[in-house]
């Protein structure tokens, strides 16, 4: 196992620790775990590219680790009544819908690459979740935390629309090519 993949596995290992810390109301420990886990996300991708160690396993595990981390944080924040459940459902639902869409595209032979809007959404998620964790101990941060969460909702919806439009554009293009190929054979 290479170093980037080990970092991804460490991120997955942090998920139950994060949940335990949040549920036990140890918010600053949870924040530390969340930030360290987030740093492993940046580091594993960088190292994989830099060291030429991009693997199929890493390519599959990295987005799963990201979704587990963010989903666990959001669900835990709902559990401790810091976050409305509908926000967690919307954000997590978007994550799985886009992942499913990318899987379908991959099965059909094309890739829907991450775009800048999706990356901005991830940065906003990390910021919002971090500030939300701080607000559990510092109520004066609550308004800022919810403001960041609204930004997460906005970027989640907007980036999902962009991904779905890319997907349908590709589907439409492929259908046109098939029709044209069928017409030229006839």
N, C-alpha and C. Protein backbone atom coordinates (compact mmCIF):
# COMPACT_ATOMS: atom_id res chain seq x y z
N UNK A 1 0.85 -1.17 0.00
CA UNK A 1 0.00 0.00 0.00
C UNK A 1 0.90 1.24 0.00
N UNK A 2 0.54 2.19 -0.86
CA UNK A 2 1.36 3.40 -0.92
C UNK A 2 0.87 4.45 0.09
N UNK A 3 1.67 5.50 0.26
CA UNK A 3 1.38 6.54 1.25
C UNK A 3 0.06 7.27 0.98
N UNK A 4 -0.23 7.69 -0.26
CA UNK A 4 -1.51 8.38 -0.49
C UNK A 4 -2.72 7.51 -0.11
N UNK A 5 -2.68 6.23 -0.45
CA UNK A 5 -3.80 5.35 -0.09
C UNK A 5 -3.90 5.16 1.42
N UNK A 6 -2.75 5.10 2.09
CA UNK A 6 -2.75 4.98 3.55
C UNK A 6 -3.39 6.22 4.18
N UNK A 7 -3.11 7.40 3.63
CA UNK A 7 -3.73 8.63 4.15
C UNK A 7 -5.24 8.61 3.95
N UNK A 8 -5.68 8.08 2.82
CA UNK A 8 -7.12 7.97 2.57
C UNK A 8 -7.77 7.03 3.59
N UNK A 9 -7.11 5.92 3.88
CA UNK A 9 -7.63 4.98 4.89
C UNK A 9 -7.64 5.62 6.28
N UNK A 10 -6.65 6.43 6.58
CA UNK A 10 -6.63 7.14 7.86
C UNK A 10 -7.84 8.07 7.95
N UNK A 11 -8.17 8.75 6.84
CA UNK A 11 -9.34 9.63 6.82
C UNK A 11 -10.61 8.84 7.14
N UNK A 12 -10.73 7.65 6.57
CA UNK A 12 -11.89 6.80 6.85
C UNK A 12 -11.89 6.38 8.33
N UNK A 13 -10.72 6.06 8.86
CA UNK A 13 -10.59 5.68 10.27
C UNK A 13 -11.04 6.82 11.20
N UNK A 14 -10.82 8.07 10.79
CA UNK A 14 -11.21 9.22 11.60
C UNK A 14 -12.73 9.40 11.71
N UNK A 15 -13.49 8.84 10.78
CA UNK A 15 -14.94 9.07 10.75
C UNK A 15 -15.62 8.67 12.07
N UNK A 16 -15.45 7.43 12.57
CA UNK A 16 -16.12 7.10 13.84
C UNK A 16 -15.58 7.91 15.02
N UNK A 17 -14.33 8.30 14.97
CA UNK A 17 -13.78 9.14 16.04
C UNK A 17 -14.45 10.52 16.03
N UNK A 18 -14.68 11.04 14.85
CA UNK A 18 -15.37 12.32 14.70
C UNK A 18 -16.79 12.24 15.27
N UNK A 19 -17.51 11.20 14.89
CA UNK A 19 -18.88 11.01 15.37
C UNK A 19 -18.89 10.91 16.90
N UNK A 20 -18.01 10.10 17.44
CA UNK A 20 -17.96 9.92 18.90
C UNK A 20 -17.68 11.25 19.60
N UNK A 21 -16.74 12.01 19.08
CA UNK A 21 -16.40 13.29 19.72
C UNK A 21 -17.57 14.26 19.67
N UNK A 22 -18.26 14.33 18.53
CA UNK A 22 -19.40 15.25 18.43
C UNK A 22 -20.55 14.83 19.33
N UNK A 23 -20.88 13.55 19.31
CA UNK A 23 -22.00 13.06 20.11
C UNK A 23 -21.72 13.21 21.61
N UNK A 24 -20.45 13.07 21.99
CA UNK A 24 -20.07 13.23 23.40
C UNK A 24 -19.83 14.69 23.77
N UNK A 25 -20.16 15.58 22.83
CA UNK A 25 -20.05 17.03 23.04
C UNK A 25 -18.62 17.48 23.33
N UNK A 26 -17.69 16.85 22.66
CA UNK A 26 -16.29 17.26 22.74
C UNK A 26 -15.96 17.96 21.41
N UNK A 27 -16.57 19.13 21.25
CA UNK A 27 -16.57 19.82 19.96
C UNK A 27 -15.19 20.19 19.45
N UNK A 28 -14.30 20.61 20.33
CA UNK A 28 -12.97 21.01 19.87
C UNK A 28 -12.15 19.81 19.44
N UNK A 29 -12.32 18.69 20.10
CA UNK A 29 -11.66 17.45 19.65
C UNK A 29 -12.23 17.07 18.28
N UNK A 30 -13.56 17.16 18.14
CA UNK A 30 -14.20 16.85 16.86
C UNK A 30 -13.67 17.77 15.76
N UNK A 31 -13.54 19.05 16.07
CA UNK A 31 -13.02 20.00 15.09
C UNK A 31 -11.59 19.62 14.69
N UNK A 32 -10.77 19.28 15.66
CA UNK A 32 -9.40 18.86 15.35
C UNK A 32 -9.36 17.63 14.47
N UNK A 33 -10.19 16.65 14.80
CA UNK A 33 -10.26 15.43 13.99
C UNK A 33 -10.71 15.77 12.57
N UNK A 34 -11.73 16.60 12.46
CA UNK A 34 -12.27 16.98 11.15
C UNK A 34 -11.22 17.70 10.31
N UNK A 35 -10.49 18.63 10.92
CA UNK A 35 -9.47 19.38 10.18
C UNK A 35 -8.28 18.51 9.79
N UNK A 36 -7.86 17.63 10.69
CA UNK A 36 -6.75 16.71 10.34
C UNK A 36 -7.20 15.78 9.22
N UNK A 37 -8.42 15.27 9.32
CA UNK A 37 -8.94 14.39 8.26
C UNK A 37 -9.02 15.15 6.94
N UNK A 38 -9.47 16.40 7.00
CA UNK A 38 -9.52 17.22 5.79
C UNK A 38 -8.14 17.45 5.20
N UNK A 39 -7.15 17.64 6.06
CA UNK A 39 -5.78 17.82 5.58
C UNK A 39 -5.27 16.57 4.88
N UNK A 40 -5.68 15.39 5.36
CA UNK A 40 -5.25 14.16 4.68
C UNK A 40 -5.82 14.10 3.27
N UNK A 41 -7.00 14.72 3.08
CA UNK A 41 -7.60 14.74 1.75
C UNK A 41 -6.74 15.56 0.80
N UNK A 42 -6.29 16.70 1.26
CA UNK A 42 -5.42 17.53 0.41
C UNK A 42 -4.09 16.83 0.15
N UNK A 43 -3.55 16.25 1.19
CA UNK A 43 -2.22 15.64 1.12
C UNK A 43 -2.20 14.37 0.26
N UNK A 44 -3.23 13.52 0.39
CA UNK A 44 -3.19 12.27 -0.37
C UNK A 44 -3.24 12.51 -1.87
N UNK A 45 -4.08 13.45 -2.29
CA UNK A 45 -4.15 13.76 -3.72
C UNK A 45 -2.86 14.37 -4.24
N UNK A 46 -2.30 15.29 -3.47
CA UNK A 46 -1.05 15.93 -3.86
C UNK A 46 0.07 14.89 -3.98
N UNK A 47 0.20 14.04 -2.95
CA UNK A 47 1.27 13.04 -2.96
C UNK A 47 1.08 12.02 -4.08
N UNK A 48 -0.15 11.62 -4.31
CA UNK A 48 -0.41 10.64 -5.37
C UNK A 48 0.07 11.18 -6.72
N UNK A 49 -0.24 12.44 -7.00
CA UNK A 49 0.19 13.03 -8.27
C UNK A 49 1.69 13.29 -8.28
N UNK A 50 2.20 13.85 -7.21
CA UNK A 50 3.63 14.22 -7.13
C UNK A 50 4.55 13.00 -7.20
N UNK A 51 4.15 11.93 -6.51
CA UNK A 51 4.99 10.73 -6.46
C UNK A 51 4.65 9.73 -7.56
N UNK A 52 3.69 10.08 -8.40
CA UNK A 52 3.27 9.16 -9.46
C UNK A 52 2.64 7.90 -8.90
N UNK A 53 1.88 8.05 -7.82
CA UNK A 53 1.28 6.89 -7.16
C UNK A 53 -0.25 6.91 -7.22
N UNK A 54 -0.78 7.43 -8.31
CA UNK A 54 -2.23 7.39 -8.50
C UNK A 54 -2.61 5.95 -8.80
N UNK A 55 -3.55 5.41 -8.02
CA UNK A 55 -3.97 4.02 -8.19
C UNK A 55 -5.48 3.95 -8.36
N UNK A 56 -5.94 2.83 -8.89
CA UNK A 56 -7.38 2.61 -9.02
C UNK A 56 -8.03 2.60 -7.64
N UNK A 57 -7.38 1.93 -6.69
CA UNK A 57 -7.92 1.88 -5.32
C UNK A 57 -8.04 3.28 -4.74
N UNK A 58 -7.01 4.08 -4.89
CA UNK A 58 -7.05 5.45 -4.38
C UNK A 58 -8.10 6.29 -5.06
N UNK A 59 -8.23 6.12 -6.37
CA UNK A 59 -9.23 6.86 -7.13
C UNK A 59 -10.64 6.51 -6.67
N UNK A 60 -10.85 5.27 -6.29
CA UNK A 60 -12.17 4.84 -5.79
C UNK A 60 -12.38 5.25 -4.34
N UNK A 61 -11.36 5.05 -3.50
CA UNK A 61 -11.51 5.30 -2.07
C UNK A 61 -11.58 6.78 -1.70
N UNK A 62 -10.86 7.63 -2.40
CA UNK A 62 -10.79 9.04 -2.02
C UNK A 62 -12.16 9.71 -1.97
N UNK A 63 -12.99 9.62 -3.02
CA UNK A 63 -14.30 10.26 -2.92
C UNK A 63 -15.21 9.59 -1.89
N UNK A 64 -15.04 8.29 -1.68
CA UNK A 64 -15.83 7.60 -0.65
C UNK A 64 -15.45 8.15 0.73
N UNK A 65 -14.16 8.30 0.96
CA UNK A 65 -13.69 8.84 2.24
C UNK A 65 -14.22 10.25 2.46
N UNK A 66 -14.21 11.07 1.41
CA UNK A 66 -14.73 12.44 1.51
C UNK A 66 -16.20 12.43 1.90
N UNK A 67 -16.98 11.61 1.22
CA UNK A 67 -18.42 11.56 1.48
C UNK A 67 -18.72 11.02 2.87
N UNK A 68 -17.96 10.02 3.29
CA UNK A 68 -18.14 9.49 4.65
C UNK A 68 -17.86 10.56 5.69
N UNK A 69 -16.78 11.29 5.51
CA UNK A 69 -16.39 12.31 6.48
C UNK A 69 -17.44 13.42 6.56
N UNK A 70 -17.82 13.97 5.42
CA UNK A 70 -18.80 15.07 5.40
C UNK A 70 -20.16 14.58 5.89
N UNK A 71 -20.59 13.41 5.42
CA UNK A 71 -21.90 12.87 5.83
C UNK A 71 -21.94 12.62 7.32
N UNK A 72 -20.89 12.02 7.86
CA UNK A 72 -20.85 11.74 9.30
C UNK A 72 -20.89 13.03 10.11
N UNK A 73 -20.17 14.04 9.64
CA UNK A 73 -20.17 15.33 10.35
C UNK A 73 -21.56 15.95 10.33
N UNK A 74 -22.20 15.95 9.16
CA UNK A 74 -23.53 16.56 9.05
C UNK A 74 -24.56 15.81 9.88
N UNK A 75 -24.56 14.49 9.79
CA UNK A 75 -25.52 13.69 10.56
C UNK A 75 -25.29 13.89 12.06
N UNK A 76 -24.05 13.95 12.47
CA UNK A 76 -23.75 14.18 13.89
C UNK A 76 -24.20 15.57 14.34
N UNK A 77 -24.05 16.56 13.48
CA UNK A 77 -24.52 17.91 13.82
C UNK A 77 -26.04 17.95 13.93
N UNK A 78 -26.73 17.16 13.12
CA UNK A 78 -28.18 17.03 13.26
C UNK A 78 -28.50 16.35 14.59
N UNK A 79 -27.76 15.29 14.90
CA UNK A 79 -27.98 14.54 16.14
C UNK A 79 -27.86 15.42 17.39
N UNK A 80 -26.90 16.34 17.38
CA UNK A 80 -26.72 17.22 18.55
C UNK A 80 -27.55 18.50 18.42
N UNK A 81 -28.46 18.50 17.46
CA UNK A 81 -29.43 19.57 17.23
C UNK A 81 -28.78 20.91 16.90
N UNK A 82 -27.67 20.85 16.18
CA UNK A 82 -27.00 22.07 15.74
C UNK A 82 -27.35 22.42 14.30
N UNK A 83 -27.88 21.46 13.57
CA UNK A 83 -28.14 21.64 12.15
C UNK A 83 -29.52 21.08 11.82
N UNK A 84 -30.32 21.82 11.05
CA UNK A 84 -31.61 21.27 10.62
C UNK A 84 -31.40 20.04 9.73
N UNK A 85 -32.19 19.02 9.98
CA UNK A 85 -32.05 17.77 9.25
C UNK A 85 -32.18 17.90 7.75
N UNK A 86 -33.05 18.81 7.29
CA UNK A 86 -33.25 18.93 5.85
C UNK A 86 -31.98 19.38 5.14
N UNK A 87 -31.15 20.19 5.80
CA UNK A 87 -29.89 20.61 5.18
C UNK A 87 -28.98 19.41 4.99
N UNK A 88 -28.87 18.58 6.01
CA UNK A 88 -28.04 17.38 5.90
C UNK A 88 -28.57 16.47 4.80
N UNK A 89 -29.88 16.28 4.74
CA UNK A 89 -30.47 15.42 3.72
C UNK A 89 -30.18 15.96 2.33
N UNK A 90 -30.34 17.27 2.14
CA UNK A 90 -30.10 17.87 0.83
C UNK A 90 -28.64 17.71 0.41
N UNK A 91 -27.72 18.04 1.32
CA UNK A 91 -26.29 17.99 0.98
C UNK A 91 -25.84 16.54 0.74
N UNK A 92 -26.23 15.64 1.62
CA UNK A 92 -25.84 14.23 1.46
C UNK A 92 -26.52 13.64 0.24
N UNK A 93 -27.78 13.97 0.03
CA UNK A 93 -28.49 13.49 -1.17
C UNK A 93 -27.81 13.94 -2.44
N UNK A 94 -27.36 15.19 -2.46
CA UNK A 94 -26.63 15.71 -3.63
C UNK A 94 -25.35 14.92 -3.86
N UNK A 95 -24.63 14.64 -2.76
CA UNK A 95 -23.37 13.89 -2.89
C UNK A 95 -23.60 12.53 -3.55
N UNK A 96 -24.62 11.83 -3.08
CA UNK A 96 -24.87 10.50 -3.62
C UNK A 96 -25.49 10.56 -5.02
N UNK A 97 -26.31 11.57 -5.30
CA UNK A 97 -26.87 11.72 -6.65
C UNK A 97 -25.77 11.98 -7.67
N UNK A 98 -24.86 12.88 -7.35
CA UNK A 98 -23.77 13.19 -8.28
C UNK A 98 -22.83 11.99 -8.41
N UNK A 99 -22.58 11.29 -7.32
CA UNK A 99 -21.74 10.08 -7.40
C UNK A 99 -22.39 9.03 -8.29
N UNK A 100 -23.69 8.85 -8.14
CA UNK A 100 -24.42 7.90 -8.98
C UNK A 100 -24.36 8.31 -10.44
N UNK A 101 -24.53 9.58 -10.69
CA UNK A 101 -24.46 10.11 -12.05
C UNK A 101 -23.09 9.85 -12.67
N UNK A 102 -22.04 10.10 -11.89
CA UNK A 102 -20.69 9.87 -12.38
C UNK A 102 -20.44 8.39 -12.64
N UNK A 103 -21.03 7.53 -11.81
CA UNK A 103 -20.88 6.08 -12.01
C UNK A 103 -21.57 5.64 -13.30
N UNK A 104 -22.76 6.17 -13.55
CA UNK A 104 -23.47 5.85 -14.79
C UNK A 104 -22.65 6.33 -15.98
N UNK A 105 -22.15 7.54 -15.90
CA UNK A 105 -21.33 8.08 -16.99
C UNK A 105 -20.11 7.21 -17.22
N UNK A 106 -19.46 6.81 -16.15
CA UNK A 106 -18.27 5.96 -16.26
C UNK A 106 -18.61 4.62 -16.92
N UNK A 107 -19.74 4.05 -16.54
CA UNK A 107 -20.17 2.78 -17.14
C UNK A 107 -20.44 2.93 -18.63
N UNK A 108 -20.81 4.14 -19.03
CA UNK A 108 -21.07 4.41 -20.45
C UNK A 108 -19.80 4.86 -21.20
N UNK A 109 -18.69 4.93 -20.48
CA UNK A 109 -17.42 5.22 -21.14
C UNK A 109 -16.98 6.66 -21.15
N UNK A 110 -17.58 7.50 -20.35
CA UNK A 110 -17.08 8.87 -20.28
C UNK A 110 -17.01 9.33 -18.83
N UNK A 111 -16.19 10.35 -18.63
CA UNK A 111 -15.90 10.83 -17.28
C UNK A 111 -16.47 12.23 -17.11
N UNK A 112 -17.16 12.42 -16.00
CA UNK A 112 -17.60 13.77 -15.63
C UNK A 112 -16.61 14.23 -14.56
N UNK A 113 -15.69 15.08 -14.98
CA UNK A 113 -14.62 15.52 -14.08
C UNK A 113 -15.14 16.52 -13.06
N UNK A 114 -14.44 16.56 -11.92
CA UNK A 114 -14.74 17.57 -10.91
C UNK A 114 -14.46 18.94 -11.53
N UNK A 115 -15.30 19.90 -11.17
CA UNK A 115 -15.09 21.24 -11.70
C UNK A 115 -14.83 22.21 -10.54
N UNK A 116 -14.53 23.45 -10.89
CA UNK A 116 -14.20 24.44 -9.86
C UNK A 116 -15.36 24.69 -8.91
N UNK A 117 -16.58 24.62 -9.42
CA UNK A 117 -17.75 24.84 -8.57
C UNK A 117 -17.87 23.72 -7.53
N UNK A 118 -17.61 22.49 -7.94
CA UNK A 118 -17.62 21.37 -7.00
C UNK A 118 -16.54 21.51 -5.95
N UNK A 119 -15.38 22.00 -6.36
CA UNK A 119 -14.29 22.22 -5.40
C UNK A 119 -14.64 23.35 -4.43
N UNK A 120 -15.26 24.40 -4.95
CA UNK A 120 -15.70 25.50 -4.09
C UNK A 120 -16.75 25.00 -3.09
N UNK A 121 -17.62 24.11 -3.54
CA UNK A 121 -18.62 23.51 -2.66
C UNK A 121 -17.95 22.76 -1.52
N UNK A 122 -16.91 22.01 -1.83
CA UNK A 122 -16.20 21.24 -0.81
C UNK A 122 -15.52 22.17 0.20
N UNK A 123 -14.87 23.22 -0.28
CA UNK A 123 -14.22 24.17 0.63
C UNK A 123 -15.27 24.82 1.53
N UNK A 124 -16.41 25.18 0.95
CA UNK A 124 -17.49 25.78 1.73
C UNK A 124 -18.02 24.81 2.77
N UNK A 125 -18.13 23.53 2.40
CA UNK A 125 -18.57 22.51 3.36
C UNK A 125 -17.62 22.42 4.55
N UNK A 126 -16.34 22.36 4.27
CA UNK A 126 -15.35 22.25 5.34
C UNK A 126 -15.42 23.48 6.26
N UNK A 127 -15.51 24.65 5.66
CA UNK A 127 -15.60 25.88 6.44
C UNK A 127 -16.89 25.90 7.28
N UNK A 128 -18.01 25.58 6.65
CA UNK A 128 -19.30 25.61 7.35
C UNK A 128 -19.35 24.60 8.49
N UNK A 129 -18.89 23.39 8.24
CA UNK A 129 -18.90 22.36 9.29
C UNK A 129 -17.98 22.77 10.43
N UNK A 130 -16.82 23.32 10.10
CA UNK A 130 -15.88 23.76 11.13
C UNK A 130 -16.47 24.86 12.00
N UNK A 131 -17.06 25.86 11.36
CA UNK A 131 -17.66 26.97 12.12
C UNK A 131 -18.86 26.46 12.92
N UNK A 132 -19.61 25.51 12.36
CA UNK A 132 -20.75 24.94 13.09
C UNK A 132 -20.27 24.23 14.35
N UNK A 133 -19.15 23.51 14.25
CA UNK A 133 -18.60 22.83 15.43
C UNK A 133 -18.17 23.84 16.50
N UNK A 134 -17.55 24.93 16.06
CA UNK A 134 -17.15 25.98 17.00
C UNK A 134 -18.39 26.58 17.67
N UNK A 135 -19.46 26.76 16.89
CA UNK A 135 -20.67 27.39 17.42
C UNK A 135 -21.34 26.55 18.51
N UNK A 136 -21.01 25.27 18.58
CA UNK A 136 -21.56 24.44 19.65
C UNK A 136 -21.06 24.90 21.01
N UNK A 137 -19.85 25.43 21.06
CA UNK A 137 -19.28 25.96 22.30
C UNK A 137 -19.40 27.48 22.38
N UNK A 138 -19.47 28.11 21.23
CA UNK A 138 -19.50 29.57 21.17
C UNK A 138 -20.76 29.99 20.42
N UNK A 139 -21.88 30.12 21.13
CA UNK A 139 -23.16 30.42 20.48
C UNK A 139 -23.14 31.68 19.62
N UNK A 140 -22.25 32.61 19.93
CA UNK A 140 -22.19 33.84 19.13
C UNK A 140 -21.72 33.56 17.69
N UNK A 141 -21.22 32.38 17.43
CA UNK A 141 -20.80 31.98 16.09
C UNK A 141 -21.95 31.33 15.31
N UNK A 142 -23.08 31.13 15.94
CA UNK A 142 -24.20 30.39 15.33
C UNK A 142 -24.69 31.05 14.04
N UNK A 143 -24.83 32.37 14.04
CA UNK A 143 -25.32 33.06 12.85
C UNK A 143 -24.34 32.87 11.69
N UNK A 144 -23.06 33.01 11.96
CA UNK A 144 -22.06 32.80 10.91
C UNK A 144 -22.09 31.36 10.42
N UNK A 145 -22.25 30.42 11.35
CA UNK A 145 -22.29 29.00 10.98
C UNK A 145 -23.46 28.73 10.03
N UNK A 146 -24.62 29.27 10.36
CA UNK A 146 -25.79 29.06 9.49
C UNK A 146 -25.62 29.79 8.16
N UNK A 147 -24.97 30.94 8.18
CA UNK A 147 -24.69 31.64 6.92
C UNK A 147 -23.83 30.79 6.00
N UNK A 148 -22.80 30.17 6.57
CA UNK A 148 -21.95 29.28 5.77
C UNK A 148 -22.74 28.05 5.30
N UNK A 149 -23.63 27.55 6.15
CA UNK A 149 -24.44 26.39 5.74
C UNK A 149 -25.36 26.75 4.58
N UNK A 150 -25.90 27.98 4.59
CA UNK A 150 -26.71 28.40 3.45
C UNK A 150 -25.86 28.45 2.18
N UNK A 151 -24.61 28.88 2.31
CA UNK A 151 -23.70 28.86 1.15
C UNK A 151 -23.49 27.43 0.67
N UNK A 152 -23.37 26.49 1.61
CA UNK A 152 -23.22 25.08 1.25
C UNK A 152 -24.45 24.61 0.47
N UNK A 153 -25.63 24.96 0.95
CA UNK A 153 -26.87 24.58 0.25
C UNK A 153 -26.85 25.15 -1.17
N UNK A 154 -26.51 26.43 -1.29
CA UNK A 154 -26.47 27.08 -2.60
C UNK A 154 -25.50 26.39 -3.55
N UNK A 155 -24.25 26.19 -3.10
CA UNK A 155 -23.25 25.57 -3.96
C UNK A 155 -23.55 24.10 -4.23
N UNK A 156 -24.19 23.43 -3.30
CA UNK A 156 -24.57 22.03 -3.51
C UNK A 156 -25.57 21.93 -4.65
N UNK A 157 -26.59 22.78 -4.60
CA UNK A 157 -27.62 22.76 -5.65
C UNK A 157 -27.03 23.19 -6.98
N UNK A 158 -26.30 24.29 -6.98
CA UNK A 158 -25.73 24.82 -8.22
C UNK A 158 -24.76 23.83 -8.87
N UNK A 159 -23.88 23.25 -8.08
CA UNK A 159 -22.91 22.31 -8.66
C UNK A 159 -23.61 21.04 -9.15
N UNK A 160 -24.67 20.61 -8.47
CA UNK A 160 -25.43 19.44 -8.94
C UNK A 160 -26.06 19.74 -10.29
N UNK A 161 -26.62 20.93 -10.44
CA UNK A 161 -27.21 21.32 -11.72
C UNK A 161 -26.16 21.28 -12.82
N UNK A 162 -24.97 21.80 -12.55
CA UNK A 162 -23.89 21.80 -13.54
C UNK A 162 -23.52 20.37 -13.93
N UNK A 163 -23.36 19.48 -12.95
CA UNK A 163 -23.02 18.09 -13.24
C UNK A 163 -24.11 17.41 -14.06
N UNK A 164 -25.37 17.61 -13.69
CA UNK A 164 -26.46 16.98 -14.42
C UNK A 164 -26.57 17.53 -15.84
N UNK A 165 -26.32 18.83 -16.02
CA UNK A 165 -26.34 19.40 -17.38
C UNK A 165 -25.22 18.81 -18.23
N UNK A 166 -24.03 18.65 -17.63
CA UNK A 166 -22.92 18.02 -18.37
C UNK A 166 -23.31 16.61 -18.79
N UNK A 167 -23.91 15.88 -17.86
CA UNK A 167 -24.31 14.50 -18.14
C UNK A 167 -25.31 14.47 -19.29
N UNK A 168 -26.38 15.25 -19.21
CA UNK A 168 -27.40 15.22 -20.25
C UNK A 168 -26.87 15.75 -21.57
N UNK A 169 -25.95 16.69 -21.53
CA UNK A 169 -25.33 17.17 -22.76
C UNK A 169 -24.56 16.04 -23.44
N UNK A 170 -23.82 15.27 -22.65
CA UNK A 170 -23.08 14.13 -23.19
C UNK A 170 -24.03 13.06 -23.72
N UNK A 171 -25.09 12.78 -23.00
CA UNK A 171 -26.09 11.80 -23.45
C UNK A 171 -26.69 12.26 -24.77
N UNK A 172 -27.07 13.54 -24.84
CA UNK A 172 -27.67 14.09 -26.06
C UNK A 172 -26.70 13.98 -27.24
N UNK A 173 -25.43 14.30 -26.99
CA UNK A 173 -24.42 14.20 -28.04
C UNK A 173 -24.26 12.77 -28.54
N UNK A 174 -24.25 11.82 -27.63
CA UNK A 174 -24.10 10.41 -28.01
C UNK A 174 -25.32 9.91 -28.78
N UNK A 175 -26.51 10.34 -28.39
CA UNK A 175 -27.73 9.95 -29.11
C UNK A 175 -27.68 10.50 -30.53
N UNK A 176 -27.27 11.76 -30.68
CA UNK A 176 -27.16 12.36 -32.01
C UNK A 176 -26.16 11.60 -32.88
N UNK A 177 -25.02 11.22 -32.30
CA UNK A 177 -24.01 10.47 -33.05
C UNK A 177 -24.54 9.11 -33.49
N UNK A 178 -25.29 8.45 -32.61
CA UNK A 178 -25.86 7.14 -32.96
C UNK A 178 -26.88 7.28 -34.07
N UNK A 179 -27.72 8.31 -33.99
CA UNK A 179 -28.73 8.53 -35.04
C UNK A 179 -28.04 8.84 -36.37
N UNK A 180 -27.01 9.68 -36.31
CA UNK A 180 -26.29 10.04 -37.53
C UNK A 180 -25.62 8.80 -38.13
N UNK A 181 -24.99 7.99 -37.27
CA UNK A 181 -24.33 6.76 -37.74
C UNK A 181 -25.35 5.81 -38.34
N UNK A 182 -26.51 5.69 -37.73
CA UNK A 182 -27.56 4.80 -38.24
C UNK A 182 -28.09 5.32 -39.57
N UNK A 183 -28.23 6.64 -39.69
CA UNK A 183 -28.74 7.24 -40.92
C UNK A 183 -27.74 7.08 -42.07
N UNK A 184 -26.46 7.17 -41.78
CA UNK A 184 -25.46 7.04 -42.85
C UNK A 184 -25.29 5.60 -43.31
N UNK A 185 -25.64 4.66 -42.43
CA UNK A 185 -25.57 3.24 -42.80
C UNK A 185 -26.78 2.82 -43.63
N UNK A 186 -27.86 3.54 -43.51
CA UNK A 186 -29.11 3.14 -44.18
C UNK A 186 -29.11 3.43 -45.65
